[in-house]
């Protein structure tokens, strides 16, 4: 029988509940128009629930915020304390059934038991899922656990949920270390449970500049359009002289330094443009100090990428302590993290098996979201090698990273490899999996010149003119496609339509 609802829950914090909810919602929205998201219990009515807001906004759900939850924790604890457990469940069932009647599918997300201060003898999430008649997805956090501990935890949770009449849909074991992945997979293969394992991705748990700004109510002094999304791997306090401090900075560090330490500030900007030093993520000024006007003037006059600078009111010690407490939060604008998460999810689960269990309803309407999901899915199943000739454009580099993280294509960039690698690091991008071809020094050059000359010599093209044409990005990229070194080319960010189309018409031509 096809199902029309699912219930996702985790017992521990940092297990990746929203990550799994997002992955499941991707599958649902690929097949269904009207999908509801429901959290039976949220932390507080006074604080907007982050998971509801994220899912509702990202997937443009046609549902009000109030429809997306039942009670908050305080209300639940009051009902349980008064022995009104049945009233709690009955009211949740009523709200859930109303959504089930109105929507094609209802995706439910539970709340951690640790949020409840009232001791109860049963798993509230399992009881709610059982009463909803919704198949259950449990998430296990494998971080800092050995394979035997994780395996036993999965068995205990699954045996309990099935013993009380809850239908087990799947178990997601998240944050599995690379070292334990194979041995854990072998253990789960011996069971009858559907278990999907998701390997630990450090970046998904790292805070961004935006997380720091929100948590510390920081003011921005220097901040580019994409800077809030830069990740922070470590925190350093600049208490040394510049010459000594430079030995201690690491990639994606956030550096706390007083605004009057002009030597450190300028030294960090110098390190940014040096291939001998790593690129930091941001600078934070404590004490709400103002930067000297001359230093500000110097920074404002710099071209290219600049180190983001923030300011907070707290002192150095408190600032460092507060930043260390900042947690990563998945946001709708966190395209890099979303791409990484979805790439991991799609590569770890059996999407076809999940789709076969879901009650799908098809019609002739193709929404923009459905089109995008199906396009990515088709690309992933038939992965192609795509050349992007306009690697000098920052937008192209950011798009290339998204495509790589979504695992939908092999990407080739044209340009100087050292320059591209250095620029990607300055921008905080991970392009380690991209192939870079220096077209001006490429071993393909002679082959391409000769091919183009033979193809166009009847039109009066000389070898010199053919060689000159191959020094143009669009011609070289088009020739890569023609000669089978790439399956396709995407251009037009900085080149006109004519400059992009002309080489294709001359080399590949139109279908006769």
Protein backbone atom coordinates (compact mmCIF):
# COMPACT_ATOMS: atom_id res chain seq x y z
CA UNK A 1 0.00 0.00 0.00
CA UNK A 2 1.28 3.47 -0.88
CA UNK A 3 1.89 5.77 2.06
CA UNK A 4 0.75 9.38 2.46
CA UNK A 5 2.77 10.43 5.49
CA UNK A 6 6.12 9.95 7.23
CA UNK A 7 7.36 10.77 10.72
CA UNK A 8 11.03 11.71 11.18
CA UNK A 9 12.63 11.93 14.63
CA UNK A 10 15.97 11.77 16.47
CA UNK A 11 16.66 11.29 20.16
CA UNK A 12 19.97 13.17 20.25
CA UNK A 13 20.97 16.70 19.33
CA UNK A 14 23.06 17.39 16.23
CA UNK A 15 21.79 14.20 14.60
CA UNK A 16 20.76 16.02 11.41
CA UNK A 17 16.97 15.93 11.59
CA UNK A 18 16.52 18.95 9.34
CA UNK A 19 19.07 17.49 6.92
CA UNK A 20 17.02 14.29 6.55
CA UNK A 21 13.74 16.24 6.39
CA UNK A 22 15.18 18.33 3.56
CA UNK A 23 16.33 15.24 1.66
CA UNK A 24 12.92 13.60 2.00
CA UNK A 25 11.15 16.81 1.00
CA UNK A 26 13.27 16.91 -2.16
CA UNK A 27 11.95 13.48 -3.11
CA UNK A 28 8.36 14.38 -2.24
CA UNK A 29 8.34 17.68 -4.13
CA UNK A 30 9.79 15.93 -7.16
CA UNK A 31 6.61 13.85 -7.37
CA UNK A 32 3.86 15.74 -5.55
CA UNK A 33 2.39 19.23 -5.74
CA UNK A 34 0.74 19.70 -2.36
CA UNK A 35 2.99 18.59 0.48
CA UNK A 36 2.51 19.66 4.11
CA UNK A 37 5.19 19.89 6.80
CA UNK A 38 4.04 19.29 10.37
CA UNK A 39 5.86 19.40 13.71
CA UNK A 40 3.52 18.09 16.42
CA UNK A 41 5.64 19.80 19.08
CA UNK A 42 7.85 22.86 18.75
CA UNK A 43 10.13 24.46 21.31
CA UNK A 44 8.06 27.62 21.89
CA UNK A 45 5.23 29.55 20.29
CA UNK A 46 7.15 32.75 21.10
CA UNK A 47 10.14 31.77 18.94
CA UNK A 48 9.67 30.97 15.27
CA UNK A 49 10.67 27.38 14.62
CA UNK A 50 13.74 27.27 12.38
CA UNK A 51 12.94 23.93 10.74
CA UNK A 52 9.40 24.97 9.82
CA UNK A 53 10.59 28.31 8.44
CA UNK A 54 13.35 26.67 6.41
CA UNK A 55 11.21 23.93 4.85
CA UNK A 56 8.26 26.24 4.24
CA UNK A 57 10.38 28.90 2.53
CA UNK A 58 12.75 26.66 0.55
CA UNK A 59 9.99 24.50 -0.88
CA UNK A 60 7.42 27.29 -1.17
CA UNK A 61 4.81 25.23 0.67
CA UNK A 62 1.24 26.43 0.36
CA UNK A 63 0.56 26.23 4.09
CA UNK A 64 0.41 28.74 6.94
CA UNK A 65 2.99 28.68 9.74
CA UNK A 66 0.24 27.98 12.30
CA UNK A 67 -0.83 24.84 10.42
CA UNK A 68 2.71 23.47 10.70
CA UNK A 69 2.72 22.74 14.43
CA UNK A 70 0.48 21.45 17.23
CA UNK A 71 1.78 22.38 20.70
CA UNK A 72 4.86 23.89 22.25
CA UNK A 73 6.87 22.14 24.97
CA UNK A 74 5.34 24.09 27.86
CA UNK A 75 1.82 23.11 26.77
CA UNK A 76 2.82 19.46 26.32
CA UNK A 77 4.41 19.26 29.76
CA UNK A 78 1.36 20.85 31.37
CA UNK A 79 -0.98 18.32 29.75
CA UNK A 80 1.25 15.37 30.72
CA UNK A 81 1.57 16.67 34.30
CA UNK A 82 -2.23 16.77 34.53
CA UNK A 83 -2.51 13.22 33.18
CA UNK A 84 -4.07 14.44 29.95
CA UNK A 85 -1.86 12.40 27.63
CA UNK A 86 -4.87 11.16 25.67
CA UNK A 87 -6.15 14.70 25.12
CA UNK A 88 -2.73 15.67 23.79
CA UNK A 89 -2.67 12.79 21.31
CA UNK A 90 -6.30 13.27 20.24
CA UNK A 91 -5.81 16.94 19.45
CA UNK A 92 -2.62 16.20 17.50
CA UNK A 93 -4.42 13.50 15.51
CA UNK A 94 -7.19 15.97 14.64
CA UNK A 95 -4.72 18.54 13.32
CA UNK A 96 -2.73 15.90 11.45
CA UNK A 97 -5.85 14.41 9.83
CA UNK A 98 -6.95 17.85 8.67
CA UNK A 99 -3.64 18.22 6.85
CA UNK A 100 -3.83 14.68 5.48
CA UNK A 101 -7.26 15.46 4.06
CA UNK A 102 -6.11 18.72 2.44
CA UNK A 103 -2.67 17.69 1.12
CA UNK A 104 -1.21 14.89 -0.99
CA UNK A 105 1.39 14.05 1.64
CA UNK A 106 2.27 15.09 5.20
CA UNK A 107 5.92 15.02 6.29
CA UNK A 108 6.17 15.13 10.09
CA UNK A 109 9.22 16.01 12.15
CA UNK A 110 9.40 15.18 15.85
CA UNK A 111 11.20 16.84 18.74
CA UNK A 112 14.05 15.49 20.85
CA UNK A 113 13.00 13.80 24.11
CA UNK A 114 15.75 15.74 25.91
CA UNK A 115 13.73 18.94 25.41
CA UNK A 116 11.08 17.60 27.77
CA UNK A 117 11.74 18.11 31.47
CA UNK A 118 8.77 15.93 32.44
CA UNK A 119 9.81 12.29 32.72
CA UNK A 120 7.62 9.92 30.71
CA UNK A 121 7.94 6.16 30.37
CA UNK A 122 7.40 6.05 26.63
CA UNK A 123 8.89 7.57 23.49
CA UNK A 124 6.52 10.42 22.65
CA UNK A 125 7.60 10.56 19.02
CA UNK A 126 6.93 6.87 18.50
CA UNK A 127 3.53 7.16 20.20
CA UNK A 128 2.54 10.12 18.02
CA UNK A 129 3.72 8.38 14.83
CA UNK A 130 1.81 5.24 15.82
CA UNK A 131 -1.40 7.22 16.35
CA UNK A 132 -0.93 9.13 13.11
CA UNK A 133 -0.47 5.84 11.26
CA UNK A 134 2.68 7.36 9.80
CA UNK A 135 5.68 5.13 8.99
CA UNK A 136 8.60 6.01 11.21
CA UNK A 137 12.09 7.25 10.25
CA UNK A 138 14.54 7.36 13.11
CA UNK A 139 17.89 9.15 12.94
CA UNK A 140 20.94 7.94 14.84
CA UNK A 141 23.88 10.23 15.54
CA UNK A 142 27.03 8.12 15.00
CA UNK A 143 29.43 10.91 15.99
CA UNK A 144 32.06 9.73 18.53
CA UNK A 145 30.55 6.22 18.76
CA UNK A 146 32.12 2.93 17.75
CA UNK A 147 30.34 0.69 15.19
CA UNK A 148 29.07 -1.75 17.84
CA UNK A 149 27.44 1.05 19.87
CA UNK A 150 25.72 2.46 16.77
CA UNK A 151 24.57 -0.97 15.63
CA UNK A 152 23.07 -1.82 19.04
CA UNK A 153 21.37 1.59 19.26
CA UNK A 154 19.72 1.04 15.88
CA UNK A 155 18.48 -2.42 16.89
CA UNK A 156 17.09 -1.22 20.23
CA UNK A 157 15.23 1.76 18.71
CA UNK A 158 13.83 -0.23 15.79
CA UNK A 159 12.76 -3.20 17.90
CA UNK A 160 10.98 -0.87 20.31
CA UNK A 161 9.11 1.07 17.62
CA UNK A 162 7.95 -2.08 15.83
CA UNK A 163 6.98 -3.76 19.14
CA UNK A 164 4.46 -0.99 19.89
CA UNK A 165 2.93 -1.24 16.44
CA UNK A 166 4.80 1.55 14.66
CA UNK A 167 5.68 0.87 11.04
CA UNK A 168 9.42 1.25 10.43
CA UNK A 169 10.18 3.00 7.14
CA UNK A 170 13.95 3.53 7.37
CA UNK A 171 16.79 4.39 9.70
CA UNK A 172 19.30 7.11 8.87
CA UNK A 173 22.66 6.74 10.60
CA UNK A 174 24.22 10.17 10.24
CA UNK A 175 27.74 11.52 10.83
CA UNK A 176 29.45 8.17 10.27
CA UNK A 177 33.23 8.46 10.21
CA UNK A 178 35.07 7.44 7.07
CA UNK A 179 37.03 4.84 9.07
CA UNK A 180 33.88 3.12 10.43
CA UNK A 181 31.77 3.26 7.28
CA UNK A 182 32.65 -0.15 5.79
CA UNK A 183 32.48 -2.13 9.03
CA UNK A 184 29.16 -0.51 10.01
CA UNK A 185 27.69 -1.22 6.58
CA UNK A 186 28.60 -4.89 6.98
CA UNK A 187 26.74 -5.04 10.32
CA UNK A 188 23.57 -3.47 8.95
CA UNK A 189 23.56 -5.72 5.90
CA UNK A 190 22.82 -8.62 8.26
CA UNK A 191 19.56 -7.04 9.47
CA UNK A 192 16.13 -6.82 7.86
CA UNK A 193 15.91 -3.07 8.47
CA UNK A 194 16.35 -0.42 5.80
CA UNK A 195 19.37 1.56 6.97
CA UNK A 196 20.92 4.48 5.11
CA UNK A 197 24.33 5.67 6.26
CA UNK A 198 25.46 9.27 5.80
CA UNK A 199 29.17 9.98 6.10
CA UNK A 200 30.33 12.82 8.33
CA UNK A 201 30.78 16.12 6.46
CA UNK A 202 32.60 18.54 8.73
CA UNK A 203 31.51 21.63 6.82
CA UNK A 204 27.81 21.00 7.48
CA UNK A 205 28.48 21.46 11.21
CA UNK A 206 30.72 24.52 10.93
CA UNK A 207 29.23 27.96 11.68
CA UNK A 208 29.21 30.73 9.09
CA UNK A 209 29.84 34.45 9.40
CA UNK A 210 26.06 34.92 9.31
CA UNK A 211 25.67 32.56 12.28
CA UNK A 212 28.22 34.63 14.23
CA UNK A 213 26.58 37.92 13.26
CA UNK A 214 23.16 36.69 14.38
CA UNK A 215 24.33 35.10 17.64
CA UNK A 216 26.57 37.99 18.74
CA UNK A 217 24.49 40.79 17.17
CA UNK A 218 27.65 41.89 15.38
CA UNK A 219 27.85 44.98 13.20
CA UNK A 220 29.43 44.77 9.76
CA UNK A 221 32.31 47.11 8.87
CA UNK A 222 33.47 45.32 5.71
CA UNK A 223 31.09 42.73 4.27
CA UNK A 224 30.65 41.53 0.68
CA UNK A 225 27.51 40.03 -0.82
CA UNK A 226 28.57 36.40 -0.34
CA UNK A 227 30.66 36.88 2.82
CA UNK A 228 27.92 35.90 5.33
CA UNK A 229 28.02 32.36 3.93
CA UNK A 230 31.75 31.85 4.51
CA UNK A 231 32.45 29.05 6.97
CA UNK A 232 34.58 29.39 10.11
CA UNK A 233 36.88 26.49 10.95
CA UNK A 234 38.71 28.00 13.90
CA UNK A 235 39.02 31.05 16.16
CA UNK A 236 42.29 32.88 16.88
CA UNK A 237 42.98 35.82 19.19
CA UNK A 238 45.72 38.10 17.87
CA UNK A 239 47.76 38.75 21.02
CA UNK A 240 51.20 38.42 19.38
CA UNK A 241 53.20 40.70 17.15
CA UNK A 242 52.42 40.40 13.45
CA UNK A 243 55.58 38.50 12.54
CA UNK A 244 54.82 35.83 15.16
CA UNK A 245 51.05 35.74 14.68
CA UNK A 246 51.30 34.94 10.96
CA UNK A 247 52.77 31.54 11.87
CA UNK A 248 49.54 30.60 13.66
CA UNK A 249 46.78 31.51 11.20
CA UNK A 250 44.99 28.65 9.41
CA UNK A 251 42.54 28.35 6.54
CA UNK A 252 39.08 29.83 7.31
CA UNK A 253 40.10 31.19 10.73
CA UNK A 254 38.13 33.96 12.40
CA UNK A 255 40.60 36.37 14.01
CA UNK A 256 39.68 38.49 17.04
CA UNK A 257 41.84 41.60 17.20
CA UNK A 258 41.37 45.13 18.64
CA UNK A 259 40.65 47.76 15.99
CA UNK A 260 43.77 49.73 16.99
CA UNK A 261 46.10 46.87 16.00
CA UNK A 262 46.56 48.26 12.50
CA UNK A 263 49.65 46.10 11.97
CA UNK A 264 47.66 42.87 12.43
CA UNK A 265 44.78 44.09 10.27
CA UNK A 266 47.02 45.07 7.35
CA UNK A 267 49.09 41.93 7.81
CA UNK A 268 46.00 39.75 7.49
CA UNK A 269 44.97 41.60 4.34
CA UNK A 270 48.48 41.03 2.99
CA UNK A 271 48.26 37.31 3.83
CA UNK A 272 45.03 37.12 1.85
CA UNK A 273 46.87 38.08 -1.32
CA UNK A 274 49.92 35.91 -0.65
CA UNK A 275 50.20 32.34 -1.88
CA UNK A 276 52.39 31.59 1.14
CA UNK A 277 49.66 32.09 3.74
CA UNK A 278 46.15 30.69 4.22
CA UNK A 279 43.01 32.77 3.70
CA UNK A 280 41.11 33.66 6.86
CA UNK A 281 37.32 33.98 6.95
CA UNK A 282 36.84 37.16 8.98
CA UNK A 283 38.19 39.68 11.47
CA UNK A 284 36.21 40.65 14.59
CA UNK A 285 36.84 43.83 16.59
CA UNK A 286 35.92 43.55 20.31
CA UNK A 287 34.94 46.52 22.54
CA UNK A 288 32.94 48.02 19.62
CA UNK A 289 36.12 49.91 18.66
CA UNK A 290 36.29 52.00 15.50
CA UNK A 291 38.93 51.41 12.89
CA UNK A 292 41.29 54.34 12.18
CA UNK A 293 39.96 56.45 9.26
CA UNK A 294 43.21 56.04 7.31
CA UNK A 295 43.11 52.25 7.62
CA UNK A 296 39.45 52.27 6.59
CA UNK A 297 40.34 54.45 3.60
CA UNK A 298 43.13 52.07 2.61
CA UNK A 299 40.81 49.01 2.81
CA UNK A 300 38.04 50.75 0.89
CA UNK A 301 40.50 51.47 -1.92
CA UNK A 302 41.57 47.85 -2.33
CA UNK A 303 40.27 45.99 -5.38
CA UNK A 304 39.05 42.42 -5.40
CA UNK A 305 38.11 40.29 -2.43
CA UNK A 306 38.40 41.81 1.03
CA UNK A 307 38.51 40.17 4.44
CA UNK A 308 35.12 40.64 6.14
CA UNK A 309 35.35 42.76 9.30
CA UNK A 310 32.78 42.69 12.12
CA UNK A 311 32.46 44.57 15.38
CA UNK A 312 30.97 43.45 18.71
CA UNK A 313 30.49 45.20 22.06
CA UNK A 314 31.95 42.48 24.33
CA UNK A 315 35.59 42.25 25.38
CA UNK A 316 38.12 39.90 23.77
CA UNK A 317 37.66 37.00 26.23
CA UNK A 318 33.86 37.08 26.19
CA UNK A 319 33.83 37.47 22.40
CA UNK A 320 36.02 34.40 21.92
CA UNK A 321 33.88 32.38 24.35
CA UNK A 322 30.65 33.45 22.64
CA UNK A 323 31.94 32.61 19.17
CA UNK A 324 32.97 29.13 20.30
CA UNK A 325 29.36 28.54 21.38
CA UNK A 326 27.88 29.49 18.00
CA UNK A 327 26.10 26.58 16.30
CA UNK A 328 25.76 26.03 12.59
CA UNK A 329 22.28 26.70 11.24
CA UNK A 330 21.01 25.66 7.83
CA UNK A 331 19.45 28.66 6.09
CA UNK A 332 17.57 29.05 2.83
CA UNK A 333 20.39 31.20 1.41
CA UNK A 334 23.07 28.66 2.42
CA UNK A 335 23.33 27.33 -1.13
CA UNK A 336 26.82 25.85 -0.64
CA UNK A 337 25.79 23.84 2.43
CA UNK A 338 22.47 22.84 0.87
CA UNK A 339 24.26 21.59 -2.25
CA UNK A 340 26.75 19.62 -0.13
CA UNK A 341 23.95 18.13 2.00
CA UNK A 342 21.77 17.14 -0.97
CA UNK A 343 24.74 15.68 -2.81
CA UNK A 344 25.50 13.52 0.23
CA UNK A 345 21.85 12.54 0.70
CA UNK A 346 21.23 11.61 -2.94
CA UNK A 347 24.41 9.57 -3.07
CA UNK A 348 23.57 7.66 0.12
CA UNK A 349 19.91 6.66 -0.23
CA UNK A 350 17.93 4.53 -2.65
CA UNK A 351 15.68 7.26 -4.05
CA UNK A 352 13.81 4.91 -6.41
CA UNK A 353 12.97 2.55 -3.56
CA UNK A 354 11.61 5.44 -1.51
CA UNK A 355 9.57 6.78 -4.42
CA UNK A 356 8.00 3.37 -5.00
CA UNK A 357 6.59 3.40 -1.44
CA UNK A 358 5.14 6.91 -1.65
CA UNK A 359 1.60 7.58 -2.83
CA UNK A 360 2.29 9.74 -5.87
CA UNK A 361 -0.28 11.63 -7.89
CA UNK A 362 0.65 12.82 -11.34
CA UNK A 363 -0.89 15.45 -13.56
CA UNK A 364 0.16 17.56 -16.51
CA UNK A 365 1.22 20.61 -14.48
CA UNK A 366 5.00 21.06 -14.18
CA UNK A 367 5.93 23.59 -11.51
CA UNK A 368 9.33 25.37 -11.56
CA UNK A 369 10.37 23.37 -8.49
CA UNK A 370 9.42 20.06 -10.10
CA UNK A 371 11.28 21.02 -13.27
CA UNK A 372 14.44 21.84 -11.31
CA UNK A 373 14.33 18.64 -9.24
CA UNK A 374 13.74 16.43 -12.28
CA UNK A 375 16.49 18.23 -14.20
CA UNK A 376 19.01 17.61 -11.42
CA UNK A 377 17.88 14.00 -11.12
CA UNK A 378 18.27 13.37 -14.85
CA UNK A 379 21.71 14.98 -14.84
CA UNK A 380 22.82 12.91 -11.86
CA UNK A 381 21.72 9.65 -13.47
CA UNK A 382 23.51 10.45 -16.74
CA UNK A 383 26.45 12.52 -15.58
CA UNK A 384 28.19 14.55 -18.27
CA UNK A 385 31.47 16.44 -18.57
CA UNK A 386 30.70 20.16 -18.96
CA UNK A 387 33.26 22.83 -19.85
CA UNK A 388 32.79 26.34 -18.45
CA UNK A 389 35.07 28.71 -20.37
CA UNK A 390 34.32 31.85 -18.31
CA UNK A 391 36.19 30.88 -15.14
CA UNK A 392 37.27 34.49 -14.58
CA UNK A 393 33.70 35.29 -13.49
CA UNK A 394 33.05 34.74 -9.77
CA UNK A 395 29.49 33.62 -10.52
CA UNK A 396 30.80 30.77 -12.65
CA UNK A 397 33.10 29.56 -9.87
CA UNK A 398 30.25 29.60 -7.36
CA UNK A 399 27.94 27.78 -9.77
CA UNK A 400 30.65 25.19 -10.49
CA UNK A 401 30.97 24.43 -6.79
CA UNK A 402 27.19 23.99 -6.44
CA UNK A 403 27.11 21.54 -9.37
CA UNK A 404 30.01 19.55 -7.96
CA UNK A 405 28.42 19.36 -4.53
CA UNK A 406 25.10 18.27 -5.98
CA UNK A 407 27.08 15.62 -7.90
CA UNK A 408 25.27 16.32 -11.17
CA UNK A 409 28.18 16.90 -13.57
CA UNK A 410 31.93 16.76 -14.08
CA UNK A 411 33.19 20.32 -14.44
CA UNK A 412 36.05 21.61 -16.59
CA UNK A 413 37.22 25.22 -16.17
CA UNK A 414 39.46 27.04 -18.65
CA UNK A 415 42.28 29.19 -17.28
CA UNK A 416 45.49 29.15 -15.31
CA UNK A 417 45.20 26.44 -12.65
CA UNK A 418 47.30 28.18 -9.98
CA UNK A 419 45.34 31.42 -10.36
CA UNK A 420 41.98 29.63 -10.25
CA UNK A 421 42.92 27.57 -7.20
CA UNK A 422 44.18 30.66 -5.38
CA UNK A 423 41.07 32.68 -6.28
CA UNK A 424 38.71 29.91 -5.17
CA UNK A 425 40.44 29.80 -1.78
CA UNK A 426 40.08 33.57 -1.38
CA UNK A 427 36.38 33.23 -2.14
CA UNK A 428 36.05 30.38 0.35
CA UNK A 429 35.08 27.87 -2.37
CA UNK A 430 36.00 24.20 -2.63
CA UNK A 431 36.86 23.45 -6.26
CA UNK A 432 39.22 20.57 -5.51
CA UNK A 433 37.20 18.19 -7.73
CA UNK A 434 37.17 20.46 -10.78
CA UNK A 435 39.42 19.88 -13.81
CA UNK A 436 41.33 22.97 -14.95
CA UNK A 437 42.64 23.24 -18.51
CA UNK A 438 45.09 26.03 -19.35
CA UNK A 439 43.88 26.43 -22.92
CA UNK A 440 46.84 28.59 -24.00
CA UNK A 441 49.32 25.87 -23.01
CA UNK A 442 47.08 22.86 -23.63
CA UNK A 443 48.34 19.78 -25.48
CA UNK A 444 45.01 19.93 -27.34
CA UNK A 445 45.99 23.20 -29.03
CA UNK A 446 47.77 21.79 -32.10
CA UNK A 447 45.01 19.21 -32.63
CA UNK A 448 42.30 21.88 -32.40
CA UNK A 449 44.08 24.30 -34.74
CA UNK A 450 44.56 21.62 -37.39
CA UNK A 451 40.96 20.40 -37.04
CA UNK A 452 39.51 23.89 -37.33
CA UNK A 453 41.74 24.72 -40.29
CA UNK A 454 40.69 21.58 -42.20
CA UNK A 455 37.03 22.24 -41.44
CA UNK A 456 37.09 25.88 -42.58
CA UNK A 457 39.87 26.13 -45.18
CA UNK A 458 37.32 25.95 -47.97
CA UNK A 459 35.97 29.22 -46.56
CA UNK A 460 39.40 30.84 -46.91
CA UNK A 461 40.56 30.23 -43.31
CA UNK A 462 44.35 30.18 -42.91
CA UNK A 463 46.33 28.21 -40.32
CA UNK A 464 47.33 31.49 -38.66
CA UNK A 465 43.70 32.53 -38.36
CA UNK A 466 42.76 29.08 -37.02
CA UNK A 467 45.52 29.34 -34.40
CA UNK A 468 44.33 32.80 -33.41
CA UNK A 469 40.73 31.57 -33.08
CA UNK A 470 41.80 28.83 -30.65
CA UNK A 471 43.18 31.47 -28.26
CA UNK A 472 39.58 32.61 -27.72
CA UNK A 473 37.79 30.82 -24.87
CA UNK A 474 34.55 30.13 -26.73
CA UNK A 475 36.32 28.59 -29.73
CA UNK A 476 38.57 26.39 -27.59
CA UNK A 477 35.65 25.21 -25.42
CA UNK A 478 33.51 24.47 -28.47
CA UNK A 479 36.35 22.44 -29.96
CA UNK A 480 36.56 20.41 -26.73
CA UNK A 481 32.94 19.40 -27.30
CA UNK A 482 33.46 18.69 -31.00
CA UNK A 483 36.50 16.49 -30.36
CA UNK A 484 34.90 14.56 -27.51
CA UNK A 485 36.87 16.03 -24.59
CA UNK A 486 33.63 17.44 -23.14
CA UNK A 487 29.95 16.62 -23.53
CA UNK A 488 28.75 20.20 -23.46
CA UNK A 489 29.66 23.84 -22.93
CA UNK A 490 27.87 26.56 -20.99
CA UNK A 491 28.79 30.17 -21.72
CA UNK A 492 27.24 33.63 -21.87
CA UNK A 493 28.01 35.12 -18.45
CA UNK A 494 30.60 37.55 -19.81
CA UNK A 495 30.43 36.78 -23.53
CA UNK A 496 27.65 37.95 -25.81
CA UNK A 497 25.22 35.48 -27.34
CA UNK A 498 26.87 36.02 -30.71
CA UNK A 499 30.34 35.24 -29.34
CA UNK A 500 28.98 32.06 -27.78
CA UNK A 501 26.92 30.84 -30.73
CA UNK A 502 29.31 31.74 -33.59
CA UNK A 503 31.95 29.07 -32.78
CA UNK A 504 29.25 26.42 -32.44
CA UNK A 505 27.79 27.29 -35.84
CA UNK A 506 31.22 27.23 -37.48
CA UNK A 507 32.51 24.06 -35.80
CA UNK A 508 29.61 21.86 -34.71
CA UNK A 509 27.01 23.36 -37.09
CA UNK A 510 23.29 22.70 -37.00
CA UNK A 511 21.56 19.41 -37.55
CA UNK A 512 20.87 18.85 -41.24
